[in-house]
């Protein structure tokens, strides 16, 4: 595996190196794909809790969420204001906004993804869990590098009330 190949010349050199090391190119079957831009690694999860319904969770990947428990949660469906509040609820949120001179990341794209995951669970009761990790949020856009979606037969709800806010 070779990473950060930035030109055609470098790609040809790496290809020649790999075929020299591993044999015939026909058997090698190389795969070339774009690198995710550098950014802040985040985690987006959603799951259906039988007692309260679908919950959307957000945190920074790694130490902040795993060791320190710096994760924010909202009930699905979320609004645009809920998504913005979810991002800003983290104690580590300043990292997303350019802490200590770092370049701020595309928070609008992150909030849009949170809205889409919320909508996915809200519109499809057969989806019981979504795990996006890591989601690399760059200065312009984001890239989901790992995604798991779990589906199951929708459970019968004990309440018969609405799952969404009324439209005004």
N, C-alpha and C. Protein backbone atom coordinates (compact mmCIF):
# COMPACT_ATOMS: atom_id res chain seq x y z
N UNK A 1 0.84 -1.16 0.00
CA UNK A 1 0.00 0.00 0.00
C UNK A 1 0.89 1.23 0.00
N UNK A 2 0.54 2.18 -0.80
CA UNK A 2 1.27 3.45 -0.85
C UNK A 2 0.26 4.58 -0.72
N UNK A 3 0.60 5.58 0.08
CA UNK A 3 -0.29 6.71 0.33
C UNK A 3 0.34 8.01 -0.15
N UNK A 4 -0.50 9.01 -0.30
CA UNK A 4 -0.08 10.37 -0.66
C UNK A 4 0.71 10.44 -1.96
N UNK A 5 0.25 9.73 -2.97
CA UNK A 5 0.87 9.82 -4.30
C UNK A 5 0.28 11.05 -4.97
N UNK A 6 1.13 12.01 -5.28
CA UNK A 6 0.62 13.31 -5.69
C UNK A 6 0.76 13.64 -7.18
N UNK A 7 1.37 12.77 -7.95
CA UNK A 7 1.52 13.07 -9.39
C UNK A 7 1.52 11.77 -10.19
N UNK A 8 1.32 11.93 -11.50
CA UNK A 8 1.34 10.77 -12.38
C UNK A 8 2.73 10.12 -12.40
N UNK A 9 3.77 10.95 -12.38
CA UNK A 9 5.13 10.43 -12.37
C UNK A 9 5.38 9.57 -11.14
N UNK A 10 4.93 10.05 -9.99
CA UNK A 10 5.10 9.30 -8.76
C UNK A 10 4.27 8.01 -8.79
N UNK A 11 3.07 8.08 -9.37
CA UNK A 11 2.23 6.89 -9.49
C UNK A 11 2.92 5.83 -10.35
N UNK A 12 3.53 6.25 -11.47
CA UNK A 12 4.23 5.30 -12.35
C UNK A 12 5.43 4.67 -11.62
N UNK A 13 6.14 5.48 -10.84
CA UNK A 13 7.29 4.97 -10.09
C UNK A 13 6.85 3.94 -9.06
N UNK A 14 5.79 4.24 -8.32
CA UNK A 14 5.28 3.32 -7.31
C UNK A 14 4.76 2.04 -7.96
N UNK A 15 4.09 2.17 -9.10
CA UNK A 15 3.57 1.01 -9.82
C UNK A 15 4.73 0.09 -10.24
N UNK A 16 5.78 0.69 -10.80
CA UNK A 16 6.95 -0.10 -11.21
C UNK A 16 7.59 -0.77 -10.00
N UNK A 17 7.66 -0.06 -8.90
CA UNK A 17 8.23 -0.62 -7.66
C UNK A 17 7.40 -1.81 -7.16
N UNK A 18 6.09 -1.68 -7.17
CA UNK A 18 5.23 -2.76 -6.70
C UNK A 18 5.27 -3.97 -7.63
N UNK A 19 5.25 -3.74 -8.93
CA UNK A 19 5.32 -4.88 -9.86
C UNK A 19 6.69 -5.54 -9.78
N UNK A 20 7.73 -4.77 -9.52
CA UNK A 20 9.06 -5.36 -9.33
C UNK A 20 9.13 -6.21 -8.08
N UNK A 21 8.42 -5.81 -7.04
CA UNK A 21 8.45 -6.55 -5.78
C UNK A 21 7.49 -7.74 -5.75
N UNK A 22 6.33 -7.57 -6.39
CA UNK A 22 5.28 -8.58 -6.25
C UNK A 22 4.97 -9.35 -7.52
N UNK A 23 5.60 -9.03 -8.63
CA UNK A 23 5.39 -9.82 -9.84
C UNK A 23 4.53 -9.13 -10.88
N UNK A 24 3.97 -9.96 -11.76
CA UNK A 24 3.23 -9.53 -12.94
C UNK A 24 2.08 -8.58 -12.58
N UNK A 25 1.94 -7.53 -13.38
CA UNK A 25 0.90 -6.53 -13.15
C UNK A 25 -0.50 -7.12 -13.31
N UNK A 26 -0.67 -8.12 -14.17
CA UNK A 26 -1.98 -8.73 -14.37
C UNK A 26 -2.46 -9.43 -13.10
N UNK A 27 -1.54 -9.98 -12.36
CA UNK A 27 -1.91 -10.65 -11.10
C UNK A 27 -2.01 -9.66 -9.95
N UNK A 28 -1.34 -8.54 -10.06
CA UNK A 28 -1.30 -7.56 -8.98
C UNK A 28 -2.63 -6.85 -8.78
N UNK A 29 -3.33 -6.53 -9.84
CA UNK A 29 -4.61 -5.83 -9.81
C UNK A 29 -4.59 -4.60 -8.91
N UNK A 30 -3.81 -3.62 -9.25
CA UNK A 30 -3.72 -2.44 -8.39
C UNK A 30 -5.02 -1.64 -8.38
N UNK A 31 -5.28 -1.00 -7.27
CA UNK A 31 -6.44 -0.13 -7.11
C UNK A 31 -5.92 1.24 -6.70
N UNK A 32 -6.36 2.25 -7.43
CA UNK A 32 -5.96 3.62 -7.12
C UNK A 32 -7.23 4.38 -6.72
N UNK A 33 -7.18 5.03 -5.58
CA UNK A 33 -8.32 5.83 -5.17
C UNK A 33 -7.82 7.11 -4.51
N UNK A 34 -8.69 8.10 -4.54
CA UNK A 34 -8.34 9.41 -4.00
C UNK A 34 -8.15 9.33 -2.48
N UNK A 35 -7.23 10.14 -1.99
CA UNK A 35 -7.01 10.25 -0.56
C UNK A 35 -8.07 11.17 0.04
N UNK A 36 -8.50 10.87 1.23
CA UNK A 36 -9.38 11.78 1.94
C UNK A 36 -8.56 12.99 2.34
N UNK A 37 -9.12 14.18 2.22
CA UNK A 37 -8.36 15.35 2.64
C UNK A 37 -8.11 15.33 4.14
N UNK A 38 -7.07 15.99 4.56
CA UNK A 38 -6.77 16.05 5.99
C UNK A 38 -7.80 16.94 6.68
N UNK A 39 -8.13 16.56 7.89
CA UNK A 39 -9.13 17.31 8.64
C UNK A 39 -9.23 16.77 10.05
N UNK A 40 -10.39 16.94 10.63
CA UNK A 40 -10.66 16.49 12.00
C UNK A 40 -11.51 15.22 11.91
N UNK A 41 -11.05 14.16 12.58
CA UNK A 41 -11.79 12.90 12.59
C UNK A 41 -12.93 12.99 13.61
N UNK A 42 -14.12 12.64 13.14
CA UNK A 42 -15.30 12.68 14.00
C UNK A 42 -16.03 11.34 13.93
N UNK A 43 -17.01 11.17 14.81
CA UNK A 43 -17.82 9.96 14.87
C UNK A 43 -19.29 10.38 14.92
N UNK A 44 -20.09 9.77 14.05
CA UNK A 44 -21.53 9.99 14.08
C UNK A 44 -22.18 8.62 14.25
N UNK A 45 -23.03 8.52 15.27
CA UNK A 45 -23.75 7.28 15.51
C UNK A 45 -25.22 7.59 15.72
N UNK A 46 -26.03 6.64 15.35
CA UNK A 46 -27.46 6.74 15.63
C UNK A 46 -27.96 5.34 15.94
N UNK A 47 -28.85 5.24 16.90
CA UNK A 47 -29.39 3.94 17.26
C UNK A 47 -30.78 4.13 17.84
N UNK A 48 -31.57 3.08 17.70
CA UNK A 48 -32.92 3.10 18.24
C UNK A 48 -32.88 2.51 19.64
N UNK A 49 -33.30 3.31 20.60
CA UNK A 49 -33.42 2.86 21.98
C UNK A 49 -34.90 2.53 22.19
N UNK A 50 -35.21 1.32 22.64
CA UNK A 50 -36.62 0.94 22.77
C UNK A 50 -37.43 1.83 23.69
N UNK A 51 -36.79 2.44 24.66
CA UNK A 51 -37.55 3.25 25.62
C UNK A 51 -37.78 4.69 25.18
N UNK A 52 -36.90 5.24 24.34
CA UNK A 52 -37.06 6.65 23.96
C UNK A 52 -37.06 6.90 22.46
N UNK A 53 -36.76 5.91 21.66
CA UNK A 53 -36.74 6.09 20.22
C UNK A 53 -35.32 6.26 19.70
N UNK A 54 -35.21 6.81 18.51
CA UNK A 54 -33.91 6.96 17.85
C UNK A 54 -33.13 8.12 18.45
N UNK A 55 -31.83 7.87 18.68
CA UNK A 55 -30.93 8.87 19.26
C UNK A 55 -29.75 9.06 18.33
N UNK A 56 -29.42 10.32 18.03
CA UNK A 56 -28.28 10.68 17.21
C UNK A 56 -27.16 11.15 18.12
N UNK A 57 -25.95 10.62 17.91
CA UNK A 57 -24.80 10.96 18.76
C UNK A 57 -23.67 11.48 17.90
N UNK A 58 -22.89 12.42 18.46
CA UNK A 58 -21.77 13.01 17.74
C UNK A 58 -20.62 13.25 18.70
N UNK A 59 -19.40 13.00 18.20
CA UNK A 59 -18.20 13.29 18.98
C UNK A 59 -16.99 13.33 18.07
N UNK A 60 -15.89 13.80 18.60
CA UNK A 60 -14.62 13.72 17.88
C UNK A 60 -14.08 12.32 18.06
N UNK A 61 -13.46 11.77 17.03
CA UNK A 61 -12.93 10.41 17.11
C UNK A 61 -11.72 10.36 18.03
N UNK A 62 -11.52 9.22 18.65
CA UNK A 62 -10.34 9.02 19.47
C UNK A 62 -10.53 9.43 20.91
N UNK A 63 -9.49 10.00 21.49
CA UNK A 63 -9.44 10.31 22.91
C UNK A 63 -10.62 11.13 23.42
N UNK A 64 -11.02 12.22 22.74
CA UNK A 64 -12.10 13.02 23.33
C UNK A 64 -13.37 12.22 23.61
N UNK A 65 -13.80 11.41 22.66
CA UNK A 65 -15.05 10.68 22.89
C UNK A 65 -14.84 9.38 23.66
N UNK A 66 -13.77 8.64 23.36
CA UNK A 66 -13.58 7.34 23.98
C UNK A 66 -13.12 7.44 25.43
N UNK A 67 -12.14 8.25 25.71
CA UNK A 67 -11.59 8.32 27.05
C UNK A 67 -12.34 9.32 27.93
N UNK A 68 -12.67 10.48 27.36
CA UNK A 68 -13.28 11.54 28.15
C UNK A 68 -14.80 11.56 28.09
N UNK A 69 -15.40 10.74 27.21
CA UNK A 69 -16.86 10.70 27.11
C UNK A 69 -17.44 11.98 26.55
N UNK A 70 -16.69 12.70 25.76
CA UNK A 70 -17.15 13.96 25.18
C UNK A 70 -18.00 13.67 23.94
N UNK A 71 -19.24 13.27 24.18
CA UNK A 71 -20.18 12.92 23.12
C UNK A 71 -21.50 13.63 23.42
N UNK A 72 -22.12 14.16 22.36
CA UNK A 72 -23.40 14.85 22.52
C UNK A 72 -24.49 14.01 21.85
N UNK A 73 -25.72 14.12 22.36
CA UNK A 73 -26.83 13.30 21.88
C UNK A 73 -28.06 14.17 21.66
N UNK A 74 -28.87 13.80 20.67
CA UNK A 74 -30.16 14.43 20.42
C UNK A 74 -31.14 13.36 19.96
N UNK A 75 -32.41 13.54 20.28
CA UNK A 75 -33.44 12.64 19.79
C UNK A 75 -33.74 12.94 18.32
N UNK A 76 -34.01 11.90 17.57
CA UNK A 76 -34.37 12.01 16.16
C UNK A 76 -35.87 12.23 16.07
N UNK A 77 -36.36 13.11 15.20
CA UNK A 77 -35.63 13.83 14.17
C UNK A 77 -35.02 15.11 14.71
N UNK A 78 -33.86 15.49 14.19
CA UNK A 78 -33.23 16.75 14.58
C UNK A 78 -33.54 17.82 13.54
N UNK A 79 -33.57 19.04 14.00
CA UNK A 79 -33.72 20.19 13.11
C UNK A 79 -32.35 20.74 12.80
N UNK A 80 -32.29 21.73 11.93
CA UNK A 80 -31.00 22.36 11.64
C UNK A 80 -30.42 23.01 12.89
N UNK A 81 -31.26 23.55 13.74
CA UNK A 81 -30.78 24.15 14.99
C UNK A 81 -30.27 23.07 15.95
N UNK A 82 -30.94 21.92 15.97
CA UNK A 82 -30.47 20.81 16.80
C UNK A 82 -29.10 20.32 16.33
N UNK A 83 -28.92 20.21 15.01
CA UNK A 83 -27.63 19.74 14.46
C UNK A 83 -26.52 20.72 14.82
N UNK A 84 -26.80 22.01 14.72
CA UNK A 84 -25.80 23.02 15.08
C UNK A 84 -25.48 22.94 16.57
N UNK A 85 -26.50 22.75 17.40
CA UNK A 85 -26.29 22.65 18.85
C UNK A 85 -25.53 21.37 19.19
N UNK A 86 -25.79 20.28 18.46
CA UNK A 86 -25.11 19.02 18.70
C UNK A 86 -23.61 19.17 18.49
N UNK A 87 -23.22 19.83 17.40
CA UNK A 87 -21.80 20.05 17.11
C UNK A 87 -21.15 20.91 18.18
N UNK A 88 -21.85 21.94 18.61
CA UNK A 88 -21.29 22.90 19.56
C UNK A 88 -21.38 22.44 21.01
N UNK A 89 -22.10 21.35 21.27
CA UNK A 89 -22.25 20.86 22.65
C UNK A 89 -21.00 20.19 23.19
N UNK A 90 -20.10 19.81 22.32
CA UNK A 90 -18.88 19.12 22.77
C UNK A 90 -17.93 20.09 23.47
N UNK A 91 -17.27 19.61 24.51
CA UNK A 91 -16.22 20.42 25.13
C UNK A 91 -15.05 20.61 24.17
N UNK A 92 -14.86 19.63 23.27
CA UNK A 92 -13.77 19.69 22.29
C UNK A 92 -14.17 20.38 20.99
N UNK A 93 -15.35 20.98 20.92
CA UNK A 93 -15.83 21.64 19.70
C UNK A 93 -14.90 22.73 19.16
N UNK A 94 -14.15 23.46 20.00
CA UNK A 94 -13.26 24.49 19.45
C UNK A 94 -12.27 23.95 18.42
N UNK A 95 -11.94 22.67 18.47
CA UNK A 95 -11.04 22.08 17.48
C UNK A 95 -11.63 22.21 16.08
N UNK A 96 -12.95 22.12 15.98
CA UNK A 96 -13.62 22.24 14.68
C UNK A 96 -13.62 23.67 14.14
N UNK A 97 -13.50 24.63 15.02
CA UNK A 97 -13.63 26.03 14.64
C UNK A 97 -12.30 26.78 14.57
N UNK A 98 -11.19 26.04 14.54
CA UNK A 98 -9.90 26.69 14.35
C UNK A 98 -9.16 26.99 15.64
N UNK A 99 -9.24 26.10 16.59
CA UNK A 99 -8.58 26.28 17.88
C UNK A 99 -7.08 26.43 17.70
N UNK A 100 -6.50 27.41 18.38
CA UNK A 100 -5.06 27.69 18.38
C UNK A 100 -4.48 27.87 16.99
N UNK A 101 -5.22 28.55 16.15
CA UNK A 101 -4.71 28.90 14.82
C UNK A 101 -4.88 27.84 13.76
N UNK A 102 -5.44 26.69 14.11
CA UNK A 102 -5.69 25.65 13.09
C UNK A 102 -6.77 26.14 12.14
N UNK A 103 -6.77 25.58 10.95
CA UNK A 103 -7.78 25.98 9.97
C UNK A 103 -9.14 25.40 10.37
N UNK A 104 -10.19 26.22 10.39
CA UNK A 104 -11.52 25.70 10.73
C UNK A 104 -11.98 24.70 9.67
N UNK A 105 -12.84 23.78 10.08
CA UNK A 105 -13.35 22.78 9.15
C UNK A 105 -14.76 23.16 8.70
N UNK A 106 -15.26 22.42 7.74
CA UNK A 106 -16.56 22.70 7.13
C UNK A 106 -17.69 22.21 8.04
N UNK A 107 -18.02 23.02 9.02
CA UNK A 107 -19.04 22.66 10.00
C UNK A 107 -20.41 22.57 9.33
N UNK A 108 -20.66 23.37 8.31
CA UNK A 108 -21.94 23.31 7.60
C UNK A 108 -22.14 21.93 6.96
N UNK A 109 -21.09 21.36 6.36
CA UNK A 109 -21.18 20.02 5.77
C UNK A 109 -21.41 18.98 6.85
N UNK A 110 -20.79 19.14 8.00
CA UNK A 110 -20.98 18.23 9.12
C UNK A 110 -22.42 18.28 9.63
N UNK A 111 -22.95 19.47 9.79
CA UNK A 111 -24.34 19.62 10.24
C UNK A 111 -25.31 19.01 9.23
N UNK A 112 -25.02 19.17 7.93
CA UNK A 112 -25.86 18.57 6.89
C UNK A 112 -25.85 17.05 6.99
N UNK A 113 -24.69 16.46 7.23
CA UNK A 113 -24.60 15.01 7.38
C UNK A 113 -25.39 14.54 8.61
N UNK A 114 -25.30 15.28 9.70
CA UNK A 114 -26.09 14.93 10.88
C UNK A 114 -27.58 14.96 10.57
N UNK A 115 -28.03 15.96 9.83
CA UNK A 115 -29.43 16.04 9.43
C UNK A 115 -29.83 14.85 8.56
N UNK A 116 -28.94 14.46 7.63
CA UNK A 116 -29.24 13.33 6.74
C UNK A 116 -29.32 12.00 7.49
N UNK A 117 -28.43 11.79 8.45
CA UNK A 117 -28.48 10.56 9.24
C UNK A 117 -29.76 10.54 10.07
N UNK A 118 -30.12 11.66 10.64
CA UNK A 118 -31.36 11.76 11.40
C UNK A 118 -32.55 11.43 10.51
N UNK A 119 -32.56 11.99 9.33
CA UNK A 119 -33.68 11.75 8.40
C UNK A 119 -33.74 10.28 7.98
N UNK A 120 -32.57 9.68 7.78
CA UNK A 120 -32.50 8.27 7.41
C UNK A 120 -33.19 7.40 8.45
N UNK A 121 -32.87 7.61 9.72
CA UNK A 121 -33.51 6.82 10.77
C UNK A 121 -34.99 7.15 10.92
N UNK A 122 -35.31 8.40 10.77
CA UNK A 122 -36.70 8.82 10.92
C UNK A 122 -37.58 8.24 9.81
N UNK A 123 -37.08 8.25 8.58
CA UNK A 123 -37.88 7.81 7.43
C UNK A 123 -37.89 6.31 7.22
N UNK A 124 -36.93 5.59 7.81
CA UNK A 124 -36.81 4.15 7.59
C UNK A 124 -36.76 3.42 8.93
N UNK A 125 -37.92 3.03 9.46
CA UNK A 125 -37.93 2.38 10.78
C UNK A 125 -37.20 1.05 10.80
N UNK A 126 -36.92 0.47 9.64
CA UNK A 126 -36.17 -0.79 9.61
C UNK A 126 -34.68 -0.58 9.89
N UNK A 127 -34.20 0.64 9.82
CA UNK A 127 -32.80 0.93 10.16
C UNK A 127 -32.74 1.17 11.67
N UNK A 128 -31.98 0.31 12.35
CA UNK A 128 -31.93 0.39 13.81
C UNK A 128 -30.61 0.96 14.33
N UNK A 129 -29.59 1.04 13.47
CA UNK A 129 -28.32 1.62 13.91
C UNK A 129 -27.50 2.08 12.71
N UNK A 130 -26.82 3.18 12.88
CA UNK A 130 -25.89 3.72 11.89
C UNK A 130 -24.62 4.11 12.64
N UNK A 131 -23.49 3.72 12.09
CA UNK A 131 -22.20 4.05 12.70
C UNK A 131 -21.29 4.57 11.59
N UNK A 132 -20.95 5.85 11.65
CA UNK A 132 -20.04 6.46 10.68
C UNK A 132 -18.77 6.84 11.43
N UNK A 133 -17.68 6.10 11.15
CA UNK A 133 -16.43 6.37 11.86
C UNK A 133 -15.24 5.88 11.05
N UNK A 134 -14.29 6.70 10.80
CA UNK A 134 -14.30 8.13 11.04
C UNK A 134 -14.96 8.90 9.90
N UNK A 135 -15.44 10.06 10.25
CA UNK A 135 -15.88 11.05 9.28
C UNK A 135 -14.84 12.15 9.34
N UNK A 136 -14.05 12.30 8.28
CA UNK A 136 -13.00 13.31 8.26
C UNK A 136 -13.61 14.61 7.74
N UNK A 137 -13.66 15.61 8.62
CA UNK A 137 -14.21 16.90 8.25
C UNK A 137 -13.04 17.81 7.91
N UNK A 138 -12.98 18.21 6.64
CA UNK A 138 -11.88 19.02 6.13
C UNK A 138 -12.32 20.48 6.05
N UNK A 139 -11.40 21.38 5.71
CA UNK A 139 -11.79 22.78 5.54
C UNK A 139 -12.89 22.97 4.49
N UNK A 140 -12.94 22.09 3.50
CA UNK A 140 -13.99 22.16 2.48
C UNK A 140 -14.54 20.75 2.26
N UNK A 141 -15.67 20.45 2.88
CA UNK A 141 -16.30 19.16 2.71
C UNK A 141 -15.87 18.14 3.75
N UNK A 142 -16.38 16.93 3.58
CA UNK A 142 -16.04 15.85 4.50
C UNK A 142 -16.02 14.54 3.74
N UNK A 143 -15.43 13.53 4.36
CA UNK A 143 -15.34 12.19 3.77
C UNK A 143 -15.67 11.16 4.84
N UNK A 144 -16.62 10.29 4.54
CA UNK A 144 -16.96 9.20 5.44
C UNK A 144 -16.06 8.02 5.06
N UNK A 145 -15.18 7.62 5.95
CA UNK A 145 -14.24 6.54 5.65
C UNK A 145 -14.73 5.17 6.11
N UNK A 146 -15.62 5.13 7.06
CA UNK A 146 -16.17 3.86 7.52
C UNK A 146 -17.64 4.02 7.84
N UNK A 147 -18.45 3.10 7.34
CA UNK A 147 -19.89 3.19 7.59
C UNK A 147 -20.47 1.80 7.82
N UNK A 148 -21.30 1.69 8.84
CA UNK A 148 -22.03 0.46 9.12
C UNK A 148 -23.49 0.84 9.36
N UNK A 149 -24.37 0.14 8.68
CA UNK A 149 -25.81 0.36 8.86
C UNK A 149 -26.42 -0.99 9.21
N UNK A 150 -27.20 -1.02 10.27
CA UNK A 150 -27.84 -2.27 10.69
C UNK A 150 -29.35 -2.13 10.54
N UNK A 151 -29.94 -3.12 9.88
CA UNK A 151 -31.39 -3.13 9.66
C UNK A 151 -31.99 -4.33 10.37
N UNK A 152 -33.24 -4.18 10.78
CA UNK A 152 -33.98 -5.26 11.43
C UNK A 152 -35.47 -4.97 11.24
N UNK A 153 -36.27 -5.97 11.53
CA UNK A 153 -37.71 -5.75 11.50
C UNK A 153 -38.06 -4.65 12.49
N UNK A 154 -38.84 -3.66 12.07
CA UNK A 154 -39.22 -2.61 13.02
C UNK A 154 -40.03 -3.19 14.18
N UNK A 155 -39.69 -2.76 15.38
CA UNK A 155 -40.43 -3.24 16.55
C UNK A 155 -41.73 -2.46 16.67
N UNK A 156 -42.70 -3.08 17.29
CA UNK A 156 -43.96 -2.40 17.53
C UNK A 156 -43.74 -1.34 18.60
N UNK A 157 -44.24 -0.17 18.35
CA UNK A 157 -44.09 0.92 19.31
C UNK A 157 -45.20 0.87 20.33
N UNK A 158 -44.84 1.11 21.58
CA UNK A 158 -45.83 1.13 22.65
C UNK A 158 -46.70 2.39 22.56
N UNK A 159 -46.11 3.49 22.15
CA UNK A 159 -46.86 4.72 22.01
C UNK A 159 -47.39 4.82 20.58
N UNK A 160 -48.48 5.50 20.43
CA UNK A 160 -49.05 5.68 19.10
C UNK A 160 -48.95 7.12 18.64
N UNK A 161 -48.15 7.89 19.36
CA UNK A 161 -48.01 9.31 19.03
C UNK A 161 -47.11 9.57 17.85
N UNK A 162 -47.05 10.82 17.46
CA UNK A 162 -46.21 11.24 16.34
C UNK A 162 -44.75 11.08 16.69
N UNK A 163 -43.92 10.81 15.68
CA UNK A 163 -42.47 10.76 15.88
C UNK A 163 -41.82 12.03 15.38
N UNK A 164 -42.60 12.93 14.83
CA UNK A 164 -42.00 14.15 14.29
C UNK A 164 -42.74 15.37 14.83
N UNK A 165 -42.08 16.49 14.69
CA UNK A 165 -42.70 17.74 15.12
C UNK A 165 -43.74 18.14 14.08
N UNK A 166 -44.83 18.73 14.52
CA UNK A 166 -45.84 19.16 13.54
C UNK A 166 -45.28 20.27 12.66
N UNK A 167 -45.70 20.31 11.41
CA UNK A 167 -45.25 21.36 10.48
C UNK A 167 -46.03 22.64 10.78
N UNK A 168 -45.32 23.74 10.79
CA UNK A 168 -45.96 25.04 11.05
C UNK A 168 -45.90 25.89 9.82
